[in-house]
Amino acid sequence: MNPYFYIFGTLLFTVYGQIVLKWRLNQLGSLPEGVKDKLLFLIKALLDPFIFSGFVAAFAASLCWMATMTHFEITKAYPFMSLSPALVFIIGVLFLGETFTMGKVIGLLLILLGIIVTVKY
């Protein structure tokens, strides 16, 4: 199997986990003020099947990352993790109604440039 598959898996599971977590928490509402209410809110959130799937995805991402580390130097593999903010940004704008600003676009372009420089040189 191509070792870049493990990097792709890490990215895919990481991004999925973050997007599904934000999506469901948007639906559940804000964290309440009282300690008891916070605890009940968090228990309800943890029992949500989609949020639980996000935790499973985080674990799967960790397994993929472990496999990645057996094939690459960390200094070559880790820059690819910088693609996560770009993917989360795009998905967040398209599916979650997050704000689109030129500052964010410029920042993401700088991240992509950094990835290219770090991996190639």
N, C-alpha and C. Protein backbone atom coordinates (compact mmCIF):
# COMPACT_ATOMS: atom_id res chain seq x y z
N MET A 1 0.84 -1.17 0.00
CA MET A 1 0.00 0.00 0.00
C MET A 1 0.90 1.25 0.00
N ASN A 2 0.48 2.24 -0.74
CA ASN A 2 1.22 3.49 -0.81
C ASN A 2 1.22 4.17 0.56
N PRO A 3 2.39 4.51 1.09
CA PRO A 3 2.43 5.10 2.44
C PRO A 3 1.73 6.45 2.54
N TYR A 4 1.55 7.15 1.42
CA TYR A 4 0.81 8.41 1.46
C TYR A 4 -0.66 8.18 1.80
N PHE A 5 -1.14 6.96 1.61
CA PHE A 5 -2.50 6.61 2.00
C PHE A 5 -2.71 6.85 3.49
N TYR A 6 -1.69 6.59 4.30
CA TYR A 6 -1.81 6.78 5.75
C TYR A 6 -1.92 8.26 6.11
N ILE A 7 -1.17 9.09 5.38
CA ILE A 7 -1.30 10.53 5.59
C ILE A 7 -2.71 10.97 5.20
N PHE A 8 -3.20 10.51 4.07
CA PHE A 8 -4.55 10.84 3.62
C PHE A 8 -5.58 10.39 4.64
N GLY A 9 -5.41 9.18 5.18
CA GLY A 9 -6.33 8.69 6.21
C GLY A 9 -6.32 9.54 7.45
N THR A 10 -5.13 9.96 7.86
CA THR A 10 -5.03 10.84 9.03
C THR A 10 -5.79 12.13 8.79
N LEU A 11 -5.58 12.73 7.63
CA LEU A 11 -6.29 13.97 7.29
C LEU A 11 -7.80 13.77 7.22
N LEU A 12 -8.21 12.73 6.53
CA LEU A 12 -9.64 12.46 6.35
C LEU A 12 -10.34 12.28 7.69
N PHE A 13 -9.80 11.45 8.55
CA PHE A 13 -10.44 11.19 9.84
C PHE A 13 -10.38 12.41 10.76
N THR A 14 -9.28 13.15 10.70
CA THR A 14 -9.16 14.36 11.53
C THR A 14 -10.19 15.39 11.12
N VAL A 15 -10.28 15.65 9.83
CA VAL A 15 -11.23 16.66 9.33
C VAL A 15 -12.66 16.22 9.59
N TYR A 16 -12.96 14.95 9.33
CA TYR A 16 -14.32 14.46 9.60
C TYR A 16 -14.69 14.69 11.06
N GLY A 17 -13.80 14.33 11.96
CA GLY A 17 -14.08 14.48 13.38
C GLY A 17 -14.37 15.92 13.77
N GLN A 18 -13.59 16.85 13.25
CA GLN A 18 -13.78 18.26 13.59
C GLN A 18 -15.09 18.81 13.00
N ILE A 19 -15.37 18.45 11.76
CA ILE A 19 -16.58 18.96 11.11
C ILE A 19 -17.84 18.40 11.76
N VAL A 20 -17.86 17.11 12.02
CA VAL A 20 -19.06 16.51 12.62
C VAL A 20 -19.27 17.02 14.04
N LEU A 21 -18.18 17.25 14.76
CA LEU A 21 -18.29 17.78 16.11
C LEU A 21 -18.90 19.19 16.09
N LYS A 22 -18.40 20.04 15.21
CA LYS A 22 -18.93 21.40 15.12
C LYS A 22 -20.40 21.39 14.66
N TRP A 23 -20.71 20.57 13.68
CA TRP A 23 -22.07 20.48 13.15
C TRP A 23 -23.06 20.10 14.25
N ARG A 24 -22.73 19.05 15.01
CA ARG A 24 -23.65 18.59 16.05
C ARG A 24 -23.72 19.57 17.22
N LEU A 25 -22.60 20.16 17.60
CA LEU A 25 -22.63 21.13 18.69
C LEU A 25 -23.42 22.37 18.30
N ASN A 26 -23.37 22.75 17.03
CA ASN A 26 -24.22 23.84 16.56
C ASN A 26 -25.69 23.50 16.80
N GLN A 27 -26.04 22.25 16.57
CA GLN A 27 -27.44 21.81 16.75
C GLN A 27 -27.82 21.69 18.22
N LEU A 28 -26.86 21.33 19.06
CA LEU A 28 -27.15 21.15 20.49
C LEU A 28 -27.20 22.48 21.24
N GLY A 29 -26.57 23.51 20.70
CA GLY A 29 -26.60 24.82 21.33
C GLY A 29 -25.36 25.08 22.17
N SER A 30 -25.41 26.21 22.87
CA SER A 30 -24.27 26.65 23.67
C SER A 30 -24.17 25.88 24.98
N LEU A 31 -22.96 25.85 25.51
CA LEU A 31 -22.72 25.24 26.81
C LEU A 31 -23.43 26.06 27.87
N PRO A 32 -24.27 25.42 28.68
CA PRO A 32 -25.00 26.17 29.72
C PRO A 32 -24.06 26.73 30.79
N GLU A 33 -24.60 27.59 31.65
CA GLU A 33 -23.81 28.27 32.68
C GLU A 33 -23.57 27.41 33.92
N GLY A 34 -24.59 26.79 34.44
CA GLY A 34 -24.45 26.05 35.70
C GLY A 34 -23.63 24.79 35.56
N VAL A 35 -22.96 24.39 36.63
CA VAL A 35 -22.10 23.19 36.61
C VAL A 35 -22.92 21.95 36.29
N LYS A 36 -24.06 21.80 36.95
CA LYS A 36 -24.93 20.64 36.71
C LYS A 36 -25.42 20.63 35.27
N ASP A 37 -25.83 21.78 34.77
CA ASP A 37 -26.31 21.88 33.39
C ASP A 37 -25.18 21.60 32.39
N LYS A 38 -23.98 22.06 32.69
CA LYS A 38 -22.83 21.77 31.83
C LYS A 38 -22.58 20.27 31.76
N LEU A 39 -22.60 19.63 32.92
CA LEU A 39 -22.36 18.19 32.97
C LEU A 39 -23.41 17.43 32.17
N LEU A 40 -24.68 17.79 32.34
CA LEU A 40 -25.75 17.14 31.59
C LEU A 40 -25.61 17.37 30.08
N PHE A 41 -25.25 18.60 29.72
CA PHE A 41 -25.03 18.93 28.31
C PHE A 41 -23.91 18.07 27.72
N LEU A 42 -22.80 17.96 28.45
CA LEU A 42 -21.66 17.19 27.96
C LEU A 42 -21.98 15.70 27.87
N ILE A 43 -22.73 15.18 28.82
CA ILE A 43 -23.13 13.77 28.76
C ILE A 43 -24.02 13.54 27.54
N LYS A 44 -24.99 14.44 27.34
CA LYS A 44 -25.86 14.34 26.17
C LYS A 44 -25.04 14.39 24.89
N ALA A 45 -24.07 15.29 24.84
CA ALA A 45 -23.23 15.41 23.65
C ALA A 45 -22.41 14.13 23.42
N LEU A 46 -21.84 13.60 24.48
CA LEU A 46 -21.02 12.38 24.35
C LEU A 46 -21.84 11.18 23.90
N LEU A 47 -23.12 11.18 24.23
CA LEU A 47 -23.98 10.07 23.84
C LEU A 47 -24.57 10.25 22.44
N ASP A 48 -24.34 11.40 21.84
CA ASP A 48 -24.81 11.64 20.48
C ASP A 48 -24.02 10.75 19.52
N PRO A 49 -24.71 9.97 18.68
CA PRO A 49 -24.00 9.04 17.79
C PRO A 49 -23.02 9.72 16.84
N PHE A 50 -23.36 10.90 16.37
CA PHE A 50 -22.46 11.59 15.45
C PHE A 50 -21.21 12.09 16.19
N ILE A 51 -21.40 12.64 17.36
CA ILE A 51 -20.24 13.09 18.14
C ILE A 51 -19.37 11.90 18.52
N PHE A 52 -20.01 10.80 18.90
CA PHE A 52 -19.25 9.59 19.20
C PHE A 52 -18.45 9.15 17.97
N SER A 53 -19.05 9.27 16.78
CA SER A 53 -18.34 8.89 15.56
C SER A 53 -17.12 9.79 15.34
N GLY A 54 -17.21 11.05 15.80
CA GLY A 54 -16.07 11.94 15.71
C GLY A 54 -14.91 11.47 16.58
N PHE A 55 -15.24 10.94 17.77
CA PHE A 55 -14.19 10.39 18.65
C PHE A 55 -13.58 9.13 18.04
N VAL A 56 -14.43 8.31 17.42
CA VAL A 56 -13.93 7.12 16.73
C VAL A 56 -13.00 7.55 15.59
N ALA A 57 -13.39 8.59 14.87
CA ALA A 57 -12.56 9.10 13.77
C ALA A 57 -11.22 9.60 14.30
N ALA A 58 -11.23 10.26 15.45
CA ALA A 58 -9.97 10.74 16.04
C ALA A 58 -9.06 9.56 16.37
N PHE A 59 -9.64 8.50 16.87
CA PHE A 59 -8.84 7.30 17.17
C PHE A 59 -8.30 6.69 15.88
N ALA A 60 -9.14 6.62 14.84
CA ALA A 60 -8.70 6.09 13.55
C ALA A 60 -7.59 6.97 12.97
N ALA A 61 -7.72 8.28 13.14
CA ALA A 61 -6.66 9.20 12.67
C ALA A 61 -5.35 8.90 13.39
N SER A 62 -5.43 8.61 14.68
CA SER A 62 -4.23 8.28 15.45
C SER A 62 -3.57 7.00 14.94
N LEU A 63 -4.39 6.02 14.60
CA LEU A 63 -3.84 4.77 14.06
C LEU A 63 -3.18 5.01 12.70
N CYS A 64 -3.82 5.82 11.86
CA CYS A 64 -3.22 6.15 10.56
C CYS A 64 -1.92 6.92 10.75
N TRP A 65 -1.89 7.81 11.74
CA TRP A 65 -0.68 8.58 12.00
C TRP A 65 0.45 7.67 12.48
N MET A 66 0.12 6.70 13.30
CA MET A 66 1.13 5.74 13.74
C MET A 66 1.72 5.00 12.53
N ALA A 67 0.85 4.59 11.60
CA ALA A 67 1.33 3.91 10.39
C ALA A 67 2.19 4.86 9.56
N THR A 68 1.77 6.12 9.49
CA THR A 68 2.55 7.12 8.75
C THR A 68 3.97 7.22 9.31
N MET A 69 4.07 7.23 10.63
CA MET A 69 5.38 7.40 11.27
C MET A 69 6.32 6.24 10.99
N THR A 70 5.79 5.10 10.57
CA THR A 70 6.66 3.97 10.25
C THR A 70 7.24 4.09 8.84
N HIS A 71 6.72 5.04 8.05
CA HIS A 71 7.16 5.18 6.66
C HIS A 71 7.88 6.49 6.34
N PHE A 72 7.68 7.51 7.17
CA PHE A 72 8.22 8.83 6.86
C PHE A 72 8.96 9.42 8.06
N GLU A 73 9.88 10.33 7.75
CA GLU A 73 10.41 11.17 8.81
C GLU A 73 9.29 12.12 9.22
N ILE A 74 9.25 12.46 10.48
CA ILE A 74 8.18 13.34 10.95
C ILE A 74 8.27 14.71 10.27
N THR A 75 9.49 15.15 9.96
CA THR A 75 9.65 16.45 9.31
C THR A 75 9.14 16.46 7.88
N LYS A 76 8.96 15.30 7.30
CA LYS A 76 8.36 15.22 5.96
C LYS A 76 6.85 15.00 6.04
N ALA A 77 6.39 14.23 6.99
CA ALA A 77 4.97 13.89 7.09
C ALA A 77 4.14 14.99 7.74
N TYR A 78 4.68 15.61 8.78
CA TYR A 78 3.88 16.55 9.57
C TYR A 78 3.39 17.76 8.79
N PRO A 79 4.16 18.31 7.87
CA PRO A 79 3.63 19.44 7.11
C PRO A 79 2.30 19.15 6.41
N PHE A 80 2.07 17.91 6.03
CA PHE A 80 0.80 17.56 5.40
C PHE A 80 -0.38 17.77 6.35
N MET A 81 -0.13 17.69 7.65
CA MET A 81 -1.20 17.91 8.62
C MET A 81 -1.69 19.35 8.57
N SER A 82 -0.87 20.23 8.01
CA SER A 82 -1.29 21.62 7.85
C SER A 82 -2.40 21.78 6.81
N LEU A 83 -2.69 20.72 6.07
CA LEU A 83 -3.82 20.76 5.15
C LEU A 83 -5.16 20.70 5.90
N SER A 84 -5.13 20.23 7.14
CA SER A 84 -6.38 20.14 7.91
C SER A 84 -7.11 21.48 8.01
N PRO A 85 -6.43 22.58 8.38
CA PRO A 85 -7.16 23.85 8.45
C PRO A 85 -7.76 24.27 7.11
N ALA A 86 -7.04 23.99 6.02
CA ALA A 86 -7.57 24.35 4.70
C ALA A 86 -8.82 23.55 4.38
N LEU A 87 -8.79 22.27 4.65
CA LEU A 87 -9.95 21.42 4.38
C LEU A 87 -11.12 21.78 5.29
N VAL A 88 -10.83 22.02 6.56
CA VAL A 88 -11.89 22.41 7.50
C VAL A 88 -12.49 23.76 7.08
N PHE A 89 -11.65 24.68 6.63
CA PHE A 89 -12.14 25.98 6.17
C PHE A 89 -13.11 25.80 5.00
N ILE A 90 -12.70 25.06 3.99
CA ILE A 90 -13.53 24.87 2.80
C ILE A 90 -14.85 24.18 3.16
N ILE A 91 -14.77 23.11 3.91
CA ILE A 91 -15.99 22.38 4.29
C ILE A 91 -16.85 23.24 5.22
N GLY A 92 -16.22 23.95 6.13
CA GLY A 92 -16.96 24.81 7.05
C GLY A 92 -17.73 25.89 6.31
N VAL A 93 -17.11 26.50 5.32
CA VAL A 93 -17.78 27.54 4.53
C VAL A 93 -18.92 26.93 3.72
N LEU A 94 -18.66 25.80 3.06
CA LEU A 94 -19.66 25.20 2.17
C LEU A 94 -20.83 24.57 2.91
N PHE A 95 -20.57 23.92 4.04
CA PHE A 95 -21.62 23.14 4.68
C PHE A 95 -22.09 23.65 6.04
N LEU A 96 -21.27 24.46 6.70
CA LEU A 96 -21.65 24.93 8.03
C LEU A 96 -21.97 26.43 8.07
N GLY A 97 -21.83 27.10 6.93
CA GLY A 97 -22.12 28.53 6.89
C GLY A 97 -21.09 29.38 7.60
N GLU A 98 -19.87 28.89 7.74
CA GLU A 98 -18.80 29.66 8.38
C GLU A 98 -18.44 30.85 7.49
N THR A 99 -17.81 31.86 8.07
CA THR A 99 -17.49 33.06 7.32
C THR A 99 -16.30 32.85 6.39
N PHE A 100 -16.38 33.48 5.23
CA PHE A 100 -15.33 33.45 4.22
C PHE A 100 -14.72 34.84 4.18
N THR A 101 -13.44 34.96 4.50
CA THR A 101 -12.77 36.26 4.43
C THR A 101 -11.48 36.13 3.64
N MET A 102 -11.05 37.23 3.08
CA MET A 102 -9.80 37.22 2.33
C MET A 102 -8.61 36.94 3.25
N GLY A 103 -8.69 37.39 4.48
CA GLY A 103 -7.62 37.10 5.43
C GLY A 103 -7.43 35.60 5.62
N LYS A 104 -8.54 34.87 5.73
CA LYS A 104 -8.46 33.41 5.88
C LYS A 104 -7.90 32.77 4.62
N VAL A 105 -8.31 33.26 3.46
CA VAL A 105 -7.81 32.72 2.20
C VAL A 105 -6.31 32.95 2.08
N ILE A 106 -5.86 34.16 2.38
CA ILE A 106 -4.43 34.46 2.32
C ILE A 106 -3.65 33.59 3.30
N GLY A 107 -4.19 33.42 4.50
CA GLY A 107 -3.54 32.55 5.49
C GLY A 107 -3.42 31.12 4.99
N LEU A 108 -4.48 30.62 4.38
CA LEU A 108 -4.45 29.26 3.86
C LEU A 108 -3.47 29.12 2.70
N LEU A 109 -3.39 30.14 1.86
CA LEU A 109 -2.41 30.11 0.77
C LEU A 109 -0.98 30.09 1.32
N LEU A 110 -0.75 30.83 2.38
CA LEU A 110 0.57 30.80 3.02
C LEU A 110 0.87 29.43 3.62
N ILE A 111 -0.15 28.80 4.20
CA ILE A 111 0.04 27.44 4.73
C ILE A 111 0.41 26.49 3.60
N LEU A 112 -0.31 26.57 2.48
CA LEU A 112 -0.02 25.69 1.34
C LEU A 112 1.39 25.94 0.80
N LEU A 113 1.78 27.19 0.73
CA LEU A 113 3.15 27.51 0.30
C LEU A 113 4.17 26.91 1.28
N GLY A 114 3.88 27.01 2.55
CA GLY A 114 4.77 26.43 3.57
C GLY A 114 4.89 24.92 3.42
N ILE A 115 3.77 24.25 3.13
CA ILE A 115 3.80 22.81 2.93
C ILE A 115 4.70 22.46 1.76
N ILE A 116 4.53 23.16 0.65
CA ILE A 116 5.32 22.89 -0.54
C ILE A 116 6.80 23.09 -0.27
N VAL A 117 7.15 24.19 0.37
CA VAL A 117 8.56 24.47 0.66
C VAL A 117 9.13 23.43 1.60
N THR A 118 8.38 23.09 2.65
CA THR A 118 8.88 22.15 3.65
C THR A 118 9.06 20.75 3.08
N VAL A 119 8.15 20.29 2.26
CA VAL A 119 8.22 18.94 1.73
C VAL A 119 9.24 18.83 0.60
N LYS A 120 9.34 19.85 -0.22
CA LYS A 120 10.23 19.79 -1.38
C LYS A 120 11.69 20.10 -1.05
N TYR A 121 11.94 20.92 -0.04
CA TYR A 121 13.31 21.41 0.19
C TYR A 121 13.84 21.04 1.52
